[in-house]
Structures are given as structure tokens and as C-alpha cells.
């Protein structure tokens, strides 16, 4: 299982609509509204890194209201898990 995080910038007045759309995606396990440079943080869990990329490009970035995104891939190397 691969874990990724996406920081999303949303068009003004679209935050609630985007938030609700993200909550409906099965690969997204957490959605957090933010104050600051980005508007929403999502946690994405997929079978591998390639699938995370597909979710970001085909599902998240295609939503009306997404202005910008930054995707981060999680690692287990510090947690001691194999």
C-alpha cells in the first residue's frame, strides 16, 4: 500500500463543493481544510505510487475549482516497518 498527500489550492467560493467531491473518492482517506497557502490537504492510499499519480491527475486535478496542487509521497523508511 502506498500513501500520498496532496496540498490543494481551490478557487474562491468552491471550497465546500471540492471538499464534498474529495470525500466521495474511495482512495482519499482523509480531507482537511486549511488556512494558509493551500486550502485543503488530502491523504491518498492506493496499491502503488503509479495509482496515486492516476488519482491525482485523473480525479483530483480534474475537479472544477482546483487551481493548483502539490503531491507528496509518503515513506515507511523512518517508521521501521518493512
Protein backbone atom coordinates (compact mmCIF):
# COMPACT_ATOMS: atom_id res chain seq x y z
CA UNK A 1 0.00 0.00 0.00
CA UNK A 2 1.31 3.45 -0.96
CA UNK A 3 0.40 6.67 0.82
CA UNK A 4 0.43 10.14 -0.66
CA UNK A 5 -0.64 13.59 0.40
CA UNK A 6 -1.90 16.38 -1.83
CA UNK A 7 -1.99 20.06 -0.93
CA UNK A 8 -4.68 21.78 -2.97
CA UNK A 9 -5.40 25.40 -3.85
CA UNK A 10 -9.09 25.98 -4.56
CA UNK A 11 -10.89 28.78 -6.41
CA UNK A 12 -12.70 31.16 -4.07
CA UNK A 13 -16.25 30.01 -3.20
CA UNK A 14 -15.55 26.46 -4.48
CA UNK A 15 -14.05 25.06 -1.26
CA UNK A 16 -17.18 23.32 0.01
CA UNK A 17 -18.01 21.77 -3.39
CA UNK A 18 -14.44 20.46 -3.83
CA UNK A 19 -14.32 19.23 -0.22
CA UNK A 20 -17.51 17.18 -0.71
CA UNK A 21 -16.30 15.76 -4.05
CA UNK A 22 -13.00 14.68 -2.49
CA UNK A 23 -14.80 12.92 0.38
CA UNK A 24 -16.60 10.72 -2.17
CA UNK A 25 -13.37 9.32 -3.67
CA UNK A 26 -12.57 5.89 -2.20
CA UNK A 27 -8.79 6.39 -2.49
CA UNK A 28 -8.92 9.52 -0.34
CA UNK A 29 -8.93 8.52 3.32
CA UNK A 30 -8.72 11.99 4.91
CA UNK A 31 -9.71 15.51 3.84
CA UNK A 32 -8.62 18.51 5.94
CA UNK A 33 -9.50 22.17 5.28
CA UNK A 34 -6.53 24.50 5.84
CA UNK A 35 -5.76 28.18 6.33
CA UNK A 36 -2.68 29.46 4.56
CA UNK A 37 -1.03 28.90 1.20
CA UNK A 38 -3.19 25.81 0.48
CA UNK A 39 -6.88 25.30 1.12
CA UNK A 40 -7.23 21.52 1.51
CA UNK A 41 -4.92 18.63 2.46
CA UNK A 42 -5.90 15.10 1.42
CA UNK A 43 -4.43 11.74 2.31
CA UNK A 44 -4.45 9.24 -0.55
CA UNK A 45 -4.00 5.48 -0.13
CA UNK A 46 -3.53 3.26 -3.18
CA UNK A 47 -1.91 -0.03 -4.15
CA UNK A 48 1.20 1.74 -5.51
CA UNK A 49 2.74 5.10 -6.41
CA UNK A 50 1.53 4.89 -10.01
CA UNK A 51 -2.08 4.64 -8.86
CA UNK A 52 -1.59 7.70 -6.62
CA UNK A 53 -0.46 9.59 -9.71
CA UNK A 54 -3.54 8.47 -11.62
CA UNK A 55 -5.86 9.58 -8.80
CA UNK A 56 -4.19 12.99 -8.61
CA UNK A 57 -4.20 13.61 -12.36
CA UNK A 58 -7.47 11.99 -13.43
CA UNK A 59 -9.68 12.55 -10.39
CA UNK A 60 -8.40 15.38 -8.19
CA UNK A 61 -6.97 17.83 -10.74
CA UNK A 62 -9.99 17.35 -13.00
CA UNK A 63 -12.36 18.74 -10.35
CA UNK A 64 -13.88 22.14 -11.05
CA UNK A 65 -12.27 24.63 -8.69
CA UNK A 66 -8.80 23.09 -8.33
CA UNK A 67 -6.29 25.85 -9.12
CA UNK A 68 -3.00 24.22 -8.05
CA UNK A 69 -1.75 21.09 -6.32
CA UNK A 70 1.39 19.73 -4.73
CA UNK A 71 1.66 15.96 -4.26
CA UNK A 72 3.90 14.30 -1.68
CA UNK A 73 4.59 10.57 -1.49
CA UNK A 74 4.88 9.02 1.98
CA UNK A 75 7.67 6.66 3.02
CA UNK A 76 7.95 3.97 5.67
CA UNK A 77 11.74 4.14 5.89
CA UNK A 78 11.71 6.08 9.17
CA UNK A 79 8.96 4.06 10.85
CA UNK A 80 10.86 0.77 10.88
CA UNK A 81 8.08 -1.06 9.01
CA UNK A 82 9.01 -3.37 6.16
